[in-house]
Amino acid sequence: MSLASLFVICRFVHFVSMMQLFGACVFTRLLSPEGFSAILARKNQTLIITSATISALSAVLLLAVQAGVMGNGWPDVLHLDVWLLVLTTTFGDVWRWHMLLAALALLILLIDGLPGRFLLAILLSGGLLIGQALIGHAAMHDGLRGFLQRTNHAVHLLSAAYWFGSLVPLLTCMAYTHLPATRQAAIVTLLRFSTFGHIAVALVVLTGIINSAMILGRWPIHLHSPYEFLLVCKAALVLLMVGVAVYNRYRLVPQLALHADKTQRQMIAVCWFEFGLALLVIALVSLFATLSPN
């Protein structure tokens, strides 16, 4: 395997873990009523801690792979002096803080019983996502245009992370609608997710269009370009995800009262399908983010 391929894989794993961490913490802590929040947190604790662990480890691994890419290949992947040189670059200026935030998020989540640990995890994982807007294609412009592009991309990442990262906790929450003691709280949580989900989906689409326009300066019509072809594929998958989400919300949800068990099984299948589509989108982004848009 080449270092370039490994870098794409590491980016994919890192983005998935960051977005899952952010979305799961938001869902369990901010969307659920007091009391039920603790129940959801316990149910999703393994998912959250695993995501934080992978996020922290993959952040370090990305630095190592970057050292090999910028240095003399595989030998420099484990060369600490090259790591330190990479940390003096523009990428390194961001990545030092990135690794620190990832490590702090993991440490805080491992301290069981720490007050407000999920709120802190939301802030730290949000910081990880925002930091991604300071490097790569999102950081290609300076001045006011650069600030607007970075801000737009940060909103794009946070909105996408809410949408993607909430899907698995959403499935666990649905199970509590069958229990009399938690039914009302679970329904309230699902309704809140749906309300903010509309906003998140709209922001993902809008900021995605703006970001593409700021990078290319035009519509991605040159499909012979690998970057533009993959960008169009990503946009098509996102539109499919929007269609799936709309079907879930406005077709299946109203049928819950009439055919509860059958409809819920369909909703679970649709959510997993949407989760799979999201993974494909993140994989495409991890690949074309390493390509030149020109």
Protein backbone atom coordinates (compact mmCIF):
# COMPACT_ATOMS: atom_id res chain seq x y z
CA MET A 1 0.00 0.00 0.00
CA SER A 2 1.27 3.46 -0.88
CA LEU A 3 1.51 6.27 1.67
CA ALA A 4 -1.01 8.26 -0.36
CA SER A 5 -3.57 5.45 -0.08
CA LEU A 6 -2.89 5.05 3.64
CA PHE A 7 -3.36 8.79 4.11
CA VAL A 8 -6.81 8.63 2.47
CA ILE A 9 -7.80 5.67 4.66
CA CYS A 10 -6.60 7.45 7.80
CA ARG A 11 -8.53 10.58 6.84
CA PHE A 12 -11.66 8.49 6.36
CA VAL A 13 -11.32 6.77 9.74
CA HIS A 14 -10.51 10.06 11.46
CA PHE A 15 -13.47 11.92 9.98
CA VAL A 16 -15.90 9.10 10.75
CA SER A 17 -14.75 8.93 14.37
CA MET A 18 -14.82 12.72 14.87
CA MET A 19 -18.28 13.10 13.36
CA GLN A 20 -19.63 10.10 15.25
CA LEU A 21 -18.27 11.47 18.52
CA PHE A 22 -19.79 14.92 17.99
CA GLY A 23 -23.17 13.70 16.78
CA ALA A 24 -23.57 11.03 19.46
CA CYS A 25 -22.72 13.45 22.26
CA VAL A 26 -25.10 16.11 20.91
CA PHE A 27 -27.90 13.56 20.58
CA THR A 28 -27.51 12.06 24.04
CA ARG A 29 -26.81 15.28 25.95
CA LEU A 30 -28.54 18.17 24.18
CA LEU A 31 -31.57 16.59 22.50
CA SER A 32 -32.83 14.32 25.26
CA PRO A 33 -34.72 15.48 28.37
CA GLU A 34 -33.04 15.46 31.77
CA GLY A 35 -33.00 11.96 33.22
CA PHE A 36 -33.44 10.23 29.89
CA SER A 37 -30.15 11.79 28.83
CA ALA A 38 -28.32 9.64 31.39
CA ILE A 39 -30.04 6.51 30.07
CA LEU A 40 -29.05 7.29 26.49
CA ALA A 41 -25.51 8.16 27.57
CA ARG A 42 -25.09 4.76 29.24
CA LYS A 43 -26.56 3.00 26.21
CA ASN A 44 -24.21 4.80 23.80
CA GLN A 45 -21.16 5.00 26.07
CA THR A 46 -19.22 2.29 24.20
CA LEU A 47 -19.90 4.02 20.87
CA ILE A 48 -18.83 7.41 22.23
CA ILE A 49 -15.64 6.24 23.95
CA THR A 50 -14.65 4.06 20.99
CA SER A 51 -15.13 7.04 18.66
CA ALA A 52 -12.99 9.24 20.94
CA THR A 53 -10.27 6.58 21.11
CA ILE A 54 -10.14 6.10 17.34
CA SER A 55 -10.19 9.87 16.82
CA ALA A 56 -7.18 10.38 19.11
CA LEU A 57 -5.18 7.48 17.67
CA SER A 58 -5.93 8.33 14.05
CA ALA A 59 -4.89 11.95 14.65
CA VAL A 60 -1.42 10.73 15.64
CA LEU A 61 -1.35 8.23 12.78
CA LEU A 62 -2.20 10.99 10.30
CA LEU A 63 0.78 12.98 11.57
CA ALA A 64 3.02 9.95 11.07
CA VAL A 65 1.76 9.35 7.54
CA GLN A 66 2.07 13.04 6.73
CA ALA A 67 5.71 12.85 7.86
CA GLY A 68 6.29 10.05 5.38
CA VAL A 69 4.51 11.92 2.58
CA MET A 70 6.47 15.13 3.19
CA GLY A 71 9.71 13.29 3.94
CA ASN A 72 11.41 10.37 2.21
CA GLY A 73 8.64 7.82 2.28
CA TRP A 74 8.00 4.93 4.67
CA PRO A 75 11.24 5.26 6.69
CA ASP A 76 10.16 8.73 7.89
CA VAL A 77 6.77 7.51 9.13
CA LEU A 78 8.42 6.46 12.39
CA HIS A 79 11.09 9.15 12.38
CA LEU A 80 10.24 11.48 15.28
CA ASP A 81 12.53 14.23 14.02
CA VAL A 82 10.48 14.39 10.82
CA TRP A 83 7.29 14.53 12.92
CA LEU A 84 8.68 17.59 14.67
CA LEU A 85 9.54 19.20 11.33
CA VAL A 86 5.99 18.56 10.08
CA LEU A 87 4.65 20.26 13.21
CA THR A 88 6.49 23.44 12.20
CA THR A 89 4.53 23.69 8.93
CA THR A 90 1.15 25.36 8.39
CA PHE A 91 -0.43 21.92 8.72
CA GLY A 92 1.50 21.35 11.94
CA ASP A 93 0.36 24.65 13.45
CA VAL A 94 -3.20 23.32 13.31
CA TRP A 95 -2.40 19.69 14.00
CA ARG A 96 -0.63 20.32 17.32
CA TRP A 97 -3.87 21.70 18.74
CA HIS A 98 -5.88 19.06 16.93
CA MET A 99 -4.08 16.19 18.64
CA LEU A 100 -4.33 17.96 22.00
CA LEU A 101 -8.11 18.40 21.66
CA ALA A 102 -8.52 14.76 20.61
CA ALA A 103 -6.49 13.56 23.60
CA LEU A 104 -8.43 15.81 26.01
CA ALA A 105 -11.77 14.57 24.66
CA LEU A 106 -10.73 10.96 25.23
CA LEU A 107 -9.35 11.69 28.71
CA ILE A 108 -12.52 13.51 29.80
CA LEU A 109 -14.79 10.73 28.55
CA LEU A 110 -12.73 8.10 30.36
CA ILE A 111 -13.30 9.85 33.71
CA ASP A 112 -16.59 8.21 34.63
CA GLY A 113 -18.85 10.45 36.70
CA LEU A 114 -17.11 13.70 35.70
CA PRO A 115 -19.81 16.42 35.72
CA GLY A 116 -20.51 17.85 32.29
CA ARG A 117 -18.13 15.48 30.51
CA PHE A 118 -20.46 15.08 27.52
CA LEU A 119 -20.83 18.84 27.17
CA LEU A 120 -17.05 19.16 27.23
CA ALA A 121 -16.81 16.37 24.66
CA ILE A 122 -19.20 18.30 22.41
CA LEU A 123 -17.03 21.41 22.64
CA LEU A 124 -13.80 19.50 22.05
CA SER A 125 -15.11 17.37 19.17
CA GLY A 126 -16.67 20.51 17.68
CA GLY A 127 -13.23 22.10 17.92
CA LEU A 128 -11.74 19.12 16.08
CA LEU A 129 -14.21 19.58 13.23
CA ILE A 130 -13.72 23.34 13.07
CA GLY A 131 -9.96 22.79 12.94
CA GLN A 132 -10.39 20.85 9.70
CA ALA A 133 -11.61 24.08 8.10
CA LEU A 134 -8.19 25.65 8.75
CA ILE A 135 -6.26 23.27 6.48
CA GLY A 136 -6.67 21.81 3.01
CA HIS A 137 -8.83 23.31 0.26
CA ALA A 138 -10.86 25.30 2.79
CA ALA A 139 -7.75 27.32 3.62
CA MET A 140 -6.79 28.20 0.04
CA HIS A 141 -7.79 31.89 0.28
CA ASP A 142 -6.62 34.73 2.52
CA GLY A 143 -8.29 37.82 3.90
CA LEU A 144 -12.07 38.20 4.14
CA ARG A 145 -12.72 35.60 1.46
CA GLY A 146 -10.57 33.12 3.33
CA PHE A 147 -12.37 33.82 6.61
CA LEU A 148 -15.77 33.35 4.96
CA GLN A 149 -14.66 30.12 3.30
CA ARG A 150 -13.29 28.68 6.54
CA THR A 151 -16.44 29.69 8.45
CA ASN A 152 -18.67 28.18 5.78
CA HIS A 153 -16.70 24.93 5.80
CA ALA A 154 -16.80 24.74 9.60
CA VAL A 155 -20.60 25.07 9.53
CA HIS A 156 -20.69 22.40 6.82
CA LEU A 157 -18.69 19.95 8.93
CA LEU A 158 -20.65 20.59 12.15
CA SER A 159 -23.99 20.19 10.37
CA ALA A 160 -22.87 17.00 8.61
CA ALA A 161 -21.51 15.61 11.88
CA TYR A 162 -24.84 16.23 13.63
CA TRP A 163 -26.70 14.45 10.83
CA PHE A 164 -24.34 11.49 10.48
CA GLY A 165 -23.32 11.12 14.12
CA SER A 166 -26.91 11.06 15.39
CA LEU A 167 -28.04 8.09 13.28
CA VAL A 168 -26.80 5.28 15.54
CA PRO A 169 -28.00 6.94 18.80
CA LEU A 170 -31.30 7.54 17.00
CA LEU A 171 -31.70 3.81 16.54
CA THR A 172 -31.03 3.14 20.23
CA CYS A 173 -33.51 5.85 21.17
CA MET A 174 -36.25 4.27 19.06
CA ALA A 175 -36.08 1.13 21.18
CA TYR A 176 -37.14 3.12 24.26
CA THR A 177 -40.41 4.17 22.62
CA HIS A 178 -41.70 0.65 23.46
CA LEU A 179 -41.16 1.09 27.22
CA PRO A 180 -43.88 2.96 29.13
CA ALA A 181 -41.39 4.55 31.54
CA THR A 182 -39.28 6.11 28.76
CA ARG A 183 -41.75 6.37 25.87
CA GLN A 184 -42.56 10.07 26.29
CA ALA A 185 -38.94 11.15 26.75
CA ALA A 186 -37.85 9.08 23.77
CA ILE A 187 -40.53 10.65 21.55
CA VAL A 188 -39.51 14.15 22.68
CA THR A 189 -35.89 13.33 21.79
CA LEU A 190 -36.85 12.04 18.35
CA LEU A 191 -38.96 15.13 17.66
CA ARG A 192 -36.08 17.41 18.67
CA PHE A 193 -33.72 15.47 16.44
CA SER A 194 -36.15 15.87 13.54
CA THR A 195 -36.56 19.61 14.11
CA PHE A 196 -32.85 20.35 14.21
CA GLY A 197 -32.26 17.73 11.53
CA HIS A 198 -34.18 19.86 9.03
CA ILE A 199 -31.83 22.76 9.77
CA ALA A 200 -28.73 20.56 9.62
CA VAL A 201 -29.67 19.04 6.25
CA ALA A 202 -30.40 22.48 4.78
CA LEU A 203 -27.07 23.80 6.05
CA VAL A 204 -25.17 20.79 4.67
CA VAL A 205 -26.61 21.36 1.20
CA LEU A 206 -26.25 25.15 1.24
CA THR A 207 -22.72 25.29 2.66
CA GLY A 208 -21.66 22.46 0.36
CA ILE A 209 -22.74 24.46 -2.68
CA ILE A 210 -21.00 27.58 -1.37
CA ASN A 211 -17.81 25.69 -0.58
CA SER A 212 -17.66 24.12 -4.04
CA ALA A 213 -18.25 27.52 -5.64
CA MET A 214 -15.48 29.13 -3.60
CA ILE A 215 -13.00 26.39 -4.47
CA LEU A 216 -13.81 26.01 -8.17
CA GLY A 217 -15.32 29.41 -8.95
CA ARG A 218 -17.92 27.68 -11.15
CA TRP A 219 -20.15 24.62 -11.39
CA PRO A 220 -18.27 21.26 -11.45
CA ILE A 221 -18.95 20.52 -15.13
CA HIS A 222 -15.53 19.23 -16.17
CA LEU A 223 -16.11 15.57 -15.31
CA HIS A 224 -12.79 14.55 -16.88
CA SER A 225 -11.22 16.09 -13.77
CA PRO A 226 -11.00 13.46 -11.00
CA TYR A 227 -11.70 16.11 -8.36
CA GLU A 228 -14.83 17.41 -10.07
CA PHE A 229 -16.10 13.92 -10.93
CA LEU A 230 -15.82 12.77 -7.31
CA LEU A 231 -17.38 16.05 -6.14
CA VAL A 232 -20.41 15.42 -8.37
CA CYS A 233 -20.65 11.84 -7.07
CA LYS A 234 -20.60 13.20 -3.51
CA ALA A 235 -23.35 15.70 -4.31
CA ALA A 236 -25.49 12.93 -5.86
CA LEU A 237 -25.09 10.76 -2.75
CA VAL A 238 -25.98 13.68 -0.47
CA LEU A 239 -29.13 14.35 -2.49
CA LEU A 240 -30.01 10.66 -2.18
CA MET A 241 -29.51 10.91 1.59
CA VAL A 242 -31.82 13.93 1.67
CA GLY A 243 -34.44 11.93 -0.21
CA VAL A 244 -34.09 9.02 2.21
CA ALA A 245 -34.39 11.36 5.21
CA VAL A 246 -37.50 13.01 3.75
CA TYR A 247 -39.06 9.60 3.09
CA ASN A 248 -38.29 8.51 6.64
CA ARG A 249 -39.74 11.65 8.22
CA TYR A 250 -42.79 12.31 6.08
CA ARG A 251 -43.72 8.83 4.86
CA LEU A 252 -42.80 6.39 7.62
CA VAL A 253 -43.17 8.50 10.79
CA PRO A 254 -46.89 9.24 10.18
CA GLN A 255 -47.50 5.49 9.82
CA LEU A 256 -46.07 4.68 13.25
CA ALA A 257 -49.44 5.08 14.99
CA LEU A 258 -51.13 2.66 12.56
CA HIS A 259 -48.47 -0.01 12.03
CA ALA A 260 -45.96 0.53 14.82
CA ASP A 261 -43.85 -2.64 14.65
CA LYS A 262 -43.72 -2.93 10.86
CA THR A 263 -43.05 0.79 10.35
CA GLN A 264 -40.31 0.86 12.97
CA ARG A 265 -38.54 -2.04 11.29
CA GLN A 266 -38.68 -0.11 8.03
CA MET A 267 -37.35 3.02 9.73
CA ILE A 268 -34.44 1.08 11.20
CA ALA A 269 -33.57 -0.33 7.76
CA VAL A 270 -33.80 3.15 6.21
CA CYS A 271 -31.54 4.63 8.93
CA TRP A 272 -28.88 1.97 8.32
CA PHE A 273 -29.12 2.61 4.58
CA GLU A 274 -28.64 6.33 5.24
CA PHE A 275 -25.68 5.53 7.50
CA GLY A 276 -24.09 3.50 4.69
CA LEU A 277 -24.60 6.35 2.22
CA ALA A 278 -22.96 8.74 4.69
CA LEU A 279 -19.92 6.48 4.92
CA LEU A 280 -19.63 6.53 1.13
CA VAL A 281 -19.81 10.34 1.16
CA ILE A 282 -17.06 10.58 3.78
CA ALA A 283 -14.93 8.11 1.79
CA LEU A 284 -15.29 10.24 -1.36
CA VAL A 285 -14.43 13.41 0.54
CA SER A 286 -11.38 11.72 2.09
CA LEU A 287 -10.20 10.89 -1.43
CA PHE A 288 -10.89 14.04 -3.43
CA ALA A 289 -9.70 16.30 -0.59
CA THR A 290 -6.19 15.02 -1.46
CA LEU A 291 -6.59 15.94 -5.14
CA SER A 292 -6.00 19.26 -6.85
CA PRO A 293 -9.25 21.03 -7.81
CA ASN A 294 -7.55 22.46 -10.92
